[in-house]
Amino acid sequence: MRVGLLVLEIFLHGCTSLKEKRRVIRAIRDRSRHRHNVALAEVDHQDLHQRAKLAFVSVASRRAPLDQLFDRIVEDAEELAHGGIEETVREFFG
């Protein structure tokens, strides 16, 4: 069994308040949970309105399905954050 961790560093172009940031983060969270059935949390930059760091976690029997899942999550996040993904980190355990 493999546990996969995906961390996205996002720059939110045009967000001028924490309320706008929360709207974008909520959209990413809801889409990821419903389409991909992953757990996620905002793990850094909670007090900054133009930056976010999100961590996604999933479990699978092999690494390949996790890589494919993370590719789809990154595509969705880029769409919702208007291409603001600055960095992605993938880690696998087990």
PDB file of N, CA and C in Angstrom:
ATOM      1  N   MET A   1       0.844  -1.175   0.000  1.00  0.00           N
ATOM      2  CA  MET A   1       0.000   0.000   0.000  1.00  0.00           C
ATOM      3  C   MET A   1       0.891   1.241   0.000  1.00  0.00           C
ATOM      4  N   ARG A   2       0.512   2.214  -0.798  1.00  0.00           N
ATOM      5  CA  ARG A   2       1.255   3.466  -0.918  1.00  0.00           C
ATOM      6  C   ARG A   2       0.383   4.632  -0.433  1.00  0.00           C
ATOM      7  N   VAL A   3       1.021   5.543   0.261  1.00  0.00           N
ATOM      8  CA  VAL A   3       0.394   6.797   0.653  1.00  0.00           C
ATOM      9  C   VAL A   3       1.077   7.889  -0.155  1.00  0.00           C
ATOM     10  N   GLY A   4       0.281   8.710  -0.826  1.00  0.00           N
ATOM     11  CA  GLY A   4       0.833   9.791  -1.627  1.00  0.00           C
ATOM     12  C   GLY A   4       0.459  11.136  -1.043  1.00  0.00           C
ATOM     13  N   LEU A   5       1.433  12.038  -1.083  1.00  0.00           N
ATOM     14  CA  LEU A   5       1.243  13.407  -0.592  1.00  0.00           C
ATOM     15  C   LEU A   5       1.573  14.366  -1.721  1.00  0.00           C
ATOM     16  N   LEU A   6       0.662  15.257  -2.033  1.00  0.00           N
ATOM     17  CA  LEU A   6       0.863  16.301  -3.031  1.00  0.00           C
ATOM     18  C   LEU A   6       0.736  17.644  -2.325  1.00  0.00           C
ATOM     19  N   VAL A   7       1.749  18.488  -2.470  1.00  0.00           N
ATOM     20  CA  VAL A   7       1.708  19.823  -1.877  1.00  0.00           C
ATOM     21  C   VAL A   7       1.774  20.848  -3.010  1.00  0.00           C
ATOM     22  N   LEU A   8       0.811  21.759  -3.029  1.00  0.00           N
ATOM     23  CA  LEU A   8       0.759  22.811  -4.039  1.00  0.00           C
ATOM     24  C   LEU A   8       0.977  24.162  -3.387  1.00  0.00           C
ATOM     25  N   GLU A   9       1.902  24.916  -3.941  1.00  0.00           N
ATOM     26  CA  GLU A   9       2.121  26.312  -3.547  1.00  0.00           C
ATOM     27  C   GLU A   9       1.416  27.152  -4.611  1.00  0.00           C
ATOM     28  N   ILE A  10       0.438  27.945  -4.189  1.00  0.00           N
ATOM     29  CA  ILE A  10      -0.411  28.671  -5.132  1.00  0.00           C
ATOM     30  C   ILE A  10      -0.294  30.172  -4.905  1.00  0.00           C
ATOM     31  N   PHE A  11      -0.144  30.908  -6.015  1.00  0.00           N
ATOM     32  CA  PHE A  11      -0.228  32.367  -5.980  1.00  0.00           C
ATOM     33  C   PHE A  11      -1.574  32.747  -6.586  1.00  0.00           C
ATOM     34  N   LEU A  12      -2.383  33.445  -5.829  1.00  0.00           N
ATOM     35  CA  LEU A  12      -3.746  33.783  -6.243  1.00  0.00           C
ATOM     36  C   LEU A  12      -3.774  35.200  -6.812  1.00  0.00           C
ATOM     37  N   HIS A  13      -3.606  35.280  -8.122  1.00  0.00           N
ATOM     38  CA  HIS A  13      -3.593  36.561  -8.824  1.00  0.00           C
ATOM     39  C   HIS A  13      -4.908  37.295  -8.603  1.00  0.00           C
ATOM     40  N   GLY A  14      -4.833  38.540  -8.260  1.00  0.00           N
ATOM     41  CA  GLY A  14      -6.032  39.356  -8.172  1.00  0.00           C
ATOM     42  C   GLY A  14      -6.830  39.252  -6.887  1.00  0.00           C
ATOM     43  N   CYS A  15      -6.465  38.365  -5.984  1.00  0.00           N
ATOM     44  CA  CYS A  15      -7.187  38.284  -4.711  1.00  0.00           C
ATOM     45  C   CYS A  15      -6.775  39.472  -3.846  1.00  0.00           C
ATOM     46  N   THR A  16      -7.757  40.241  -3.425  1.00  0.00           N
ATOM     47  CA  THR A  16      -7.451  41.428  -2.624  1.00  0.00           C
ATOM     48  C   THR A  16      -7.909  41.291  -1.176  1.00  0.00           C
ATOM     49  N   SER A  17      -8.496  40.138  -0.851  1.00  0.00           N
ATOM     50  CA  SER A  17      -8.941  39.931   0.530  1.00  0.00           C
ATOM     51  C   SER A  17      -8.904  38.442   0.863  1.00  0.00           C
ATOM     52  N   LEU A  18      -8.940  38.163   2.145  1.00  0.00           N
ATOM     53  CA  LEU A  18      -8.994  36.767   2.581  1.00  0.00           C
ATOM     54  C   LEU A  18     -10.312  36.115   2.167  1.00  0.00           C
ATOM     55  N   LYS A  19     -11.364  36.905   2.044  1.00  0.00           N
ATOM     56  CA  LYS A  19     -12.656  36.374   1.610  1.00  0.00           C
ATOM     57  C   LYS A  19     -12.559  35.833   0.180  1.00  0.00           C
ATOM     58  N   GLU A  20     -11.909  36.571  -0.706  1.00  0.00           N
ATOM     59  CA  GLU A  20     -11.712  36.091  -2.079  1.00  0.00           C
ATOM     60  C   GLU A  20     -10.837  34.841  -2.098  1.00  0.00           C
ATOM     61  N   LYS A  21      -9.794  34.837  -1.286  1.00  0.00           N
ATOM     62  CA  LYS A  21      -8.910  33.669  -1.207  1.00  0.00           C
ATOM     63  C   LYS A  21      -9.695  32.448  -0.747  1.00  0.00           C
ATOM     64  N   ARG A  22     -10.509  32.591   0.280  1.00  0.00           N
ATOM     65  CA  ARG A  22     -11.288  31.467   0.794  1.00  0.00           C
ATOM     66  C   ARG A  22     -12.233  30.911  -0.262  1.00  0.00           C
ATOM     67  N   ARG A  23     -12.779  31.779  -1.124  1.00  0.00           N
ATOM     68  CA  ARG A  23     -13.674  31.344  -2.196  1.00  0.00           C
ATOM     69  C   ARG A  23     -12.929  30.427  -3.168  1.00  0.00           C
ATOM     70  N   VAL A  24     -11.714  30.801  -3.553  1.00  0.00           N
ATOM     71  CA  VAL A  24     -10.924  29.985  -4.478  1.00  0.00           C
ATOM     72  C   VAL A  24     -10.505  28.682  -3.811  1.00  0.00           C
ATOM     73  N   ILE A  25     -10.027  28.757  -2.577  1.00  0.00           N
ATOM     74  CA  ILE A  25      -9.596  27.556  -1.851  1.00  0.00           C
ATOM     75  C   ILE A  25     -10.775  26.607  -1.651  1.00  0.00           C
ATOM     76  N   ARG A  26     -11.941  27.153  -1.339  1.00  0.00           N
ATOM     77  CA  ARG A  26     -13.138  26.321  -1.167  1.00  0.00           C
ATOM     78  C   ARG A  26     -13.494  25.604  -2.472  1.00  0.00           C
ATOM     79  N   ALA A  27     -13.380  26.298  -3.596  1.00  0.00           N
ATOM     80  CA  ALA A  27     -13.680  25.679  -4.894  1.00  0.00           C
ATOM     81  C   ALA A  27     -12.716  24.533  -5.187  1.00  0.00           C
ATOM     82  N   ILE A  28     -11.432  24.752  -4.912  1.00  0.00           N
ATOM     83  CA  ILE A  28     -10.434  23.688  -5.110  1.00  0.00           C
ATOM     84  C   ILE A  28     -10.729  22.520  -4.176  1.00  0.00           C
ATOM     85  N   ARG A  29     -11.012  22.819  -2.922  1.00  0.00           N
ATOM     86  CA  ARG A  29     -11.294  21.775  -1.929  1.00  0.00           C
ATOM     87  C   ARG A  29     -12.521  20.951  -2.317  1.00  0.00           C
ATOM     88  N   ASP A  30     -13.603  21.632  -2.667  1.00  0.00           N
ATOM     89  CA  ASP A  30     -14.838  20.923  -3.000  1.00  0.00           C
ATOM     90  C   ASP A  30     -14.675  20.059  -4.245  1.00  0.00           C
ATOM     91  N   ARG A  31     -14.041  20.598  -5.278  1.00  0.00           N
ATOM     92  CA  ARG A  31     -13.850  19.819  -6.501  1.00  0.00           C
ATOM     93  C   ARG A  31     -12.953  18.614  -6.238  1.00  0.00           C
ATOM     94  N   SER A  32     -11.893  18.801  -5.476  1.00  0.00           N
ATOM     95  CA  SER A  32     -10.971  17.700  -5.199  1.00  0.00           C
ATOM     96  C   SER A  32     -11.632  16.608  -4.378  1.00  0.00           C
ATOM     97  N   ARG A  33     -12.402  16.983  -3.396  1.00  0.00           N
ATOM     98  CA  ARG A  33     -13.076  15.986  -2.563  1.00  0.00           C
ATOM     99  C   ARG A  33     -14.129  15.214  -3.349  1.00  0.00           C
ATOM    100  N   HIS A  34     -14.895  15.906  -4.190  1.00  0.00           N
ATOM    101  CA  HIS A  34     -15.968  15.239  -4.920  1.00  0.00           C
ATOM    102  C   HIS A  34     -15.478  14.442  -6.121  1.00  0.00           C
ATOM    103  N   ARG A  35     -14.554  14.991  -6.876  1.00  0.00           N
ATOM    104  CA  ARG A  35     -14.074  14.297  -8.079  1.00  0.00           C
ATOM    105  C   ARG A  35     -13.031  13.230  -7.775  1.00  0.00           C
ATOM    106  N   HIS A  36     -12.191  13.494  -6.784  1.00  0.00           N
ATOM    107  CA  HIS A  36     -11.018  12.647  -6.582  1.00  0.00           C
ATOM    108  C   HIS A  36     -10.982  11.933  -5.241  1.00  0.00           C
ATOM    109  N   ASN A  37     -11.894  12.254  -4.338  1.00  0.00           N
ATOM    110  CA  ASN A  37     -11.979  11.586  -3.045  1.00  0.00           C
ATOM    111  C   ASN A  37     -10.638  11.581  -2.308  1.00  0.00           C
ATOM    112  N   VAL A  38     -10.089  12.781  -2.096  1.00  0.00           N
ATOM    113  CA  VAL A  38      -8.828  12.931  -1.381  1.00  0.00           C
ATOM    114  C   VAL A  38      -9.062  13.772  -0.130  1.00  0.00           C
ATOM    115  N   ALA A  39      -8.147  13.657   0.803  1.00  0.00           N
ATOM    116  CA  ALA A  39      -8.152  14.527   1.972  1.00  0.00           C
ATOM    117  C   ALA A  39      -7.228  15.696   1.670  1.00  0.00           C
ATOM    118  N   LEU A  40      -7.588  16.883   2.141  1.00  0.00           N
ATOM    119  CA  LEU A  40      -6.707  18.028   1.922  1.00  0.00           C
ATOM    120  C   LEU A  40      -6.832  19.022   3.048  1.00  0.00           C
ATOM    121  N   ALA A  41      -5.774  19.837   3.172  1.00  0.00           N
ATOM    122  CA  ALA A  41      -5.748  20.881   4.184  1.00  0.00           C
ATOM    123  C   ALA A  41      -4.892  22.033   3.686  1.00  0.00           C
ATOM    124  N   GLU A  42      -5.247  23.239   4.112  1.00  0.00           N
ATOM    125  CA  GLU A  42      -4.388  24.395   3.865  1.00  0.00           C
ATOM    126  C   GLU A  42      -3.340  24.379   4.967  1.00  0.00           C
ATOM    127  N   VAL A  43      -2.079  24.225   4.601  1.00  0.00           N
ATOM    128  CA  VAL A  43      -1.036  23.984   5.588  1.00  0.00           C
ATOM    129  C   VAL A  43      -0.110  25.173   5.837  1.00  0.00           C
ATOM    130  N   ASP A  44      -0.248  26.259   5.054  1.00  0.00           N
ATOM    131  CA  ASP A  44       0.605  27.427   5.277  1.00  0.00           C
ATOM    132  C   ASP A  44      -0.023  28.641   4.597  1.00  0.00           C
ATOM    133  N   HIS A  45       0.421  29.808   4.984  1.00  0.00           N
ATOM    134  CA  HIS A  45       0.003  31.092   4.415  1.00  0.00           C
ATOM    135  C   HIS A  45      -1.468  31.405   4.678  1.00  0.00           C
ATOM    136  N   GLN A  46      -2.016  30.951   5.784  1.00  0.00           N
ATOM    137  CA  GLN A  46      -3.425  31.199   6.075  1.00  0.00           C
ATOM    138  C   GLN A  46      -3.742  32.690   6.221  1.00  0.00           C
ATOM    139  N   ASP A  47      -2.765  33.482   6.606  1.00  0.00           N
ATOM    140  CA  ASP A  47      -3.012  34.907   6.847  1.00  0.00           C
ATOM    141  C   ASP A  47      -2.670  35.796   5.656  1.00  0.00           C
ATOM    142  N   LEU A  48      -2.211  35.222   4.557  1.00  0.00           N
ATOM    143  CA  LEU A  48      -1.881  35.993   3.360  1.00  0.00           C
ATOM    144  C   LEU A  48      -2.985  35.824   2.321  1.00  0.00           C
ATOM    145  N   HIS A  49      -3.422  36.911   1.719  1.00  0.00           N
ATOM    146  CA  HIS A  49      -4.562  36.814   0.806  1.00  0.00           C
ATOM    147  C   HIS A  49      -4.194  36.419  -0.622  1.00  0.00           C
ATOM    148  N   GLN A  50      -2.920  36.412  -0.989  1.00  0.00           N
ATOM    149  CA  GLN A  50      -2.552  36.023  -2.350  1.00  0.00           C
ATOM    150  C   GLN A  50      -1.720  34.741  -2.411  1.00  0.00           C
ATOM    151  N   ARG A  51      -1.544  34.062  -1.313  1.00  0.00           N
ATOM    152  CA  ARG A  51      -0.754  32.833  -1.301  1.00  0.00           C
ATOM    153  C   ARG A  51      -1.496  31.750  -0.531  1.00  0.00           C
ATOM    154  N   ALA A  52      -1.274  30.506  -0.970  1.00  0.00           N
ATOM    155  CA  ALA A  52      -1.856  29.365  -0.266  1.00  0.00           C
ATOM    156  C   ALA A  52      -0.949  28.166  -0.478  1.00  0.00           C
ATOM    157  N   LYS A  53      -0.880  27.321   0.511  1.00  0.00           N
ATOM    158  CA  LYS A  53      -0.175  26.053   0.390  1.00  0.00           C
ATOM    159  C   LYS A  53      -1.151  24.972   0.809  1.00  0.00           C
ATOM    160  N   LEU A  54      -1.475  24.093  -0.156  1.00  0.00           N
ATOM    161  CA  LEU A  54      -2.450  23.035   0.078  1.00  0.00           C
ATOM    162  C   LEU A  54      -1.769  21.683   0.026  1.00  0.00           C
ATOM    163  N   ALA A  55      -2.152  20.789   0.935  1.00  0.00           N
ATOM    164  CA  ALA A  55      -1.625  19.422   0.957  1.00  0.00           C
ATOM    165  C   ALA A  55      -2.779  18.455   0.713  1.00  0.00           C
ATOM    166  N   PHE A  56      -2.571  17.536  -0.242  1.00  0.00           N
ATOM    167  CA  PHE A  56      -3.555  16.519  -0.608  1.00  0.00           C
ATOM    168  C   PHE A  56      -2.964  15.161  -0.272  1.00  0.00           C
ATOM    169  N   VAL A  57      -3.784  14.251   0.255  1.00  0.00           N
ATOM    170  CA  VAL A  57      -3.311  12.918   0.616  1.00  0.00           C
ATOM    171  C   VAL A  57      -4.283  11.878   0.082  1.00  0.00           C
ATOM    172  N   SER A  58      -3.706  10.785  -0.450  1.00  0.00           N
ATOM    173  CA  SER A  58      -4.517   9.669  -0.914  1.00  0.00           C
ATOM    174  C   SER A  58      -3.739   8.369  -0.720  1.00  0.00           C
ATOM    175  N   VAL A  59      -4.455   7.263  -0.803  1.00  0.00           N
ATOM    176  CA  VAL A  59      -3.869   5.932  -0.616  1.00  0.00           C
ATOM    177  C   VAL A  59      -4.240   5.070  -1.821  1.00  0.00           C
ATOM    178  N   ALA A  60      -3.278   4.270  -2.293  1.00  0.00           N
ATOM    179  CA  ALA A  60      -3.527   3.336  -3.398  1.00  0.00           C
ATOM    180  C   ALA A  60      -2.575   2.155  -3.247  1.00  0.00           C
ATOM    181  N   SER A  61      -2.837   1.118  -4.020  1.00  0.00           N
ATOM    182  CA  SER A  61      -1.993  -0.074  -3.928  1.00  0.00           C
ATOM    183  C   SER A  61      -0.665   0.103  -4.663  1.00  0.00           C
ATOM    184  N   ARG A  62      -0.644   1.017  -5.644  1.00  0.00           N
ATOM    185  CA  ARG A  62       0.585   1.259  -6.410  1.00  0.00           C
ATOM    186  C   ARG A  62       0.787   2.758  -6.593  1.00  0.00           C
ATOM    187  N   ARG A  63       1.994   3.131  -7.029  1.00  0.00           N
ATOM    188  CA  ARG A  63       2.319   4.543  -7.204  1.00  0.00           C
ATOM    189  C   ARG A  63       1.673   5.141  -8.458  1.00  0.00           C
ATOM    190  N   ALA A  64       1.565   4.382  -9.526  1.00  0.00           N
ATOM    191  CA  ALA A  64       1.058   4.914 -10.799  1.00  0.00           C
ATOM    192  C   ALA A  64      -0.330   5.552 -10.675  1.00  0.00           C
ATOM    193  N   PRO A  65      -1.289   4.909 -10.010  1.00  0.00           N
ATOM    194  CA  PRO A  65      -2.604   5.564  -9.862  1.00  0.00           C
ATOM    195  C   PRO A  65      -2.533   6.871  -9.067  1.00  0.00           C
ATOM    196  N   LEU A  66      -1.628   6.922  -8.095  1.00  0.00           N
ATOM    197  CA  LEU A  66      -1.466   8.159  -7.325  1.00  0.00           C
ATOM    198  C   LEU A  66      -0.910   9.268  -8.212  1.00  0.00           C
ATOM    199  N   ASP A  67       0.065   8.948  -9.061  1.00  0.00           N
ATOM    200  CA  ASP A  67       0.614   9.950  -9.981  1.00  0.00           C
ATOM    201  C   ASP A  67      -0.473  10.482 -10.910  1.00  0.00           C
ATOM    202  N   GLN A  68      -1.303   9.602 -11.434  1.00  0.00           N
ATOM    203  CA  GLN A  68      -2.380  10.022 -12.328  1.00  0.00           C
ATOM    204  C   GLN A  68      -3.401  10.898 -11.587  1.00  0.00           C
ATOM    205  N   LEU A  69      -3.725  10.498 -10.377  1.00  0.00           N
ATOM    206  CA  LEU A  69      -4.642  11.277  -9.555  1.00  0.00           C
ATOM    207  C   LEU A  69      -4.080  12.671  -9.298  1.00  0.00           C
ATOM    208  N   PHE A  70      -2.807  12.752  -8.926  1.00  0.00           N
ATOM    209  CA  PHE A  70      -2.193  14.039  -8.636  1.00  0.00           C
ATOM    210  C   PHE A  70      -2.117  14.914  -9.886  1.00  0.00           C
ATOM    211  N   ASP A  71      -1.903  14.315 -11.050  1.00  0.00           N
ATOM    212  CA  ASP A  71      -1.916  15.080 -12.304  1.00  0.00           C
ATOM    213  C   ASP A  71      -3.275  15.748 -12.509  1.00  0.00           C
ATOM    214  N   ARG A  72      -4.344  15.005 -12.270  1.00  0.00           N
ATOM    215  CA  ARG A  72      -5.697  15.557 -12.437  1.00  0.00           C
ATOM    216  C   ARG A  72      -5.984  16.655 -11.402  1.00  0.00           C
ATOM    217  N   ILE A  73      -5.514  16.472 -10.184  1.00  0.00           N
ATOM    218  CA  ILE A  73      -5.710  17.488  -9.148  1.00  0.00           C
ATOM    219  C   ILE A  73      -4.991  18.775  -9.521  1.00  0.00           C
ATOM    220  N   VAL A  74      -3.762  18.659 -10.017  1.00  0.00           N
ATOM    221  CA  VAL A  74      -2.998  19.841 -10.428  1.00  0.00           C
ATOM    222  C   VAL A  74      -3.716  20.561 -11.569  1.00  0.00           C
ATOM    223  N   GLU A  75      -4.239  19.822 -12.536  1.00  0.00           N
ATOM    224  CA  GLU A  75      -4.980  20.437 -13.646  1.00  0.00           C
ATOM    225  C   GLU A  75      -6.196  21.201 -13.131  1.00  0.00           C
ATOM    226  N   ASP A  76      -6.958  20.588 -12.232  1.00  0.00           N
ATOM    227  CA  ASP A  76      -8.131  21.256 -11.665  1.00  0.00           C
ATOM    228  C   ASP A  76      -7.733  22.509 -10.884  1.00  0.00           C
ATOM    229  N   ALA A  77      -6.689  22.416 -10.080  1.00  0.00           N
ATOM    230  CA  ALA A  77      -6.247  23.557  -9.272  1.00  0.00           C
ATOM    231  C   ALA A  77      -5.751  24.690 -10.169  1.00  0.00           C
ATOM    232  N   GLU A  78      -5.040  24.358 -11.251  1.00  0.00           N
ATOM    233  CA  GLU A  78      -4.584  25.394 -12.181  1.00  0.00           C
ATOM    234  C   GLU A  78      -5.767  26.118 -12.820  1.00  0.00           C
ATOM    235  N   GLU A  79      -6.786  25.359 -13.156  1.00  0.00           N
ATOM    236  CA  GLU A  79      -7.984  25.966 -13.748  1.00  0.00           C
ATOM    237  C   GLU A  79      -8.663  26.907 -12.763  1.00  0.00           C
ATOM    238  N   LEU A  80      -8.854  26.466 -11.539  1.00  0.00           N
ATOM    239  CA  LEU A  80      -9.566  27.266 -10.541  1.00  0.00           C
ATOM    240  C   LEU A  80      -8.735  28.426 -10.010  1.00  0.00           C
ATOM    241  N   ALA A  81      -7.412  28.276  -9.970  1.00  0.00           N
ATOM    242  CA  ALA A  81      -6.531  29.338  -9.476  1.00  0.00           C
ATOM    243  C   ALA A  81      -5.971  30.161 -10.629  1.00  0.00           C
ATOM    244  N   HIS A  82      -6.494  29.953 -11.825  1.00  0.00           N
ATOM    245  CA  HIS A  82      -6.086  30.704 -13.021  1.00  0.00           C
ATOM    246  C   HIS A  82      -4.590  30.621 -13.280  1.00  0.00           C
ATOM    247  N   GLY A  83      -4.068  29.394 -13.192  1.00  0.00           N
ATOM    248  CA  GLY A  83      -2.665  29.155 -13.522  1.00  0.00           C
ATOM    249  C   GLY A  83      -1.675  29.613 -12.478  1.00  0.00           C
ATOM    250  N   GLY A  84      -2.115  29.796 -11.259  1.00  0.00           N
ATOM    251  CA  GLY A  84      -1.246  30.321 -10.218  1.00  0.00           C
ATOM    252  C   GLY A  84      -0.425  29.292  -9.462  1.00  0.00           C
ATOM    253  N   ILE A  85      -0.303  28.074  -9.974  1.00  0.00           N
ATOM    254  CA  ILE A  85       0.488  27.051  -9.283  1.00  0.00           C
ATOM    255  C   ILE A  85       1.966  27.386  -9.457  1.00  0.00           C
ATOM    256  N   GLU A  86       2.642  27.665  -8.356  1.00  0.00           N
ATOM    257  CA  GLU A  86       4.055  28.017  -8.414  1.00  0.00           C
ATOM    258  C   GLU A  86       4.963  26.826  -8.187  1.00  0.00           C
ATOM    259  N   GLU A  87       4.522  25.887  -7.360  1.00  0.00           N
ATOM    260  CA  GLU A  87       5.376  24.745  -7.027  1.00  0.00           C
ATOM    261  C   GLU A  87       4.502  23.544  -6.679  1.00  0.00           C
ATOM    262  N   THR A  88       4.953  22.370  -7.111  1.00  0.00           N
ATOM    263  CA  THR A  88       4.296  21.130  -6.709  1.00  0.00           C
ATOM    264  C   THR A  88       5.352  20.185  -6.158  1.00  0.00           C
ATOM    265  N   VAL A  89       4.996  19.529  -5.081  1.00  0.00           N
ATOM    266  CA  VAL A  89       5.881  18.541  -4.460  1.00  0.00           C
ATOM    267  C   VAL A  89       5.071  17.274  -4.274  1.00  0.00           C
ATOM    268  N   ARG A  90       5.655  16.150  -4.704  1.00  0.00           N
ATOM    269  CA  ARG A  90       5.016  14.845  -4.528  1.00  0.00           C
ATOM    270  C   ARG A  90       5.925  13.965  -3.686  1.00  0.00           C
ATOM    271  N   GLU A  91       5.323  13.302  -2.716  1.00  0.00           N
ATOM    272  CA  GLU A  91       6.054  12.341  -1.888  1.00  0.00           C
ATOM    273  C   GLU A  91       5.211  11.086  -1.776  1.00  0.00           C
ATOM    274  N   PHE A  92       5.889   9.966  -1.713  1.00  0.00           N
ATOM    275  CA  PHE A  92       5.209   8.671  -1.609  1.00  0.00           C
ATOM    276  C   PHE A  92       5.840   7.884  -0.462  1.00  0.00           C
ATOM    277  N   PHE A  93       4.996   7.222   0.306  1.00  0.00           N
ATOM    278  CA  PHE A  93       5.444   6.463   1.461  1.00  0.00           C
ATOM    279  C   PHE A  93       4.877   5.044   1.367  1.00  0.00           C
ATOM    280  N   GLY A  94       5.681   4.103   1.812  1.00  0.00           N
ATOM    281  CA  GLY A  94       5.199   2.723   1.872  1.00  0.00           C
ATOM    282  C   GLY A  94       5.600   1.858   0.757  1.00  0.00           C
TER     283      GLY A  94
END
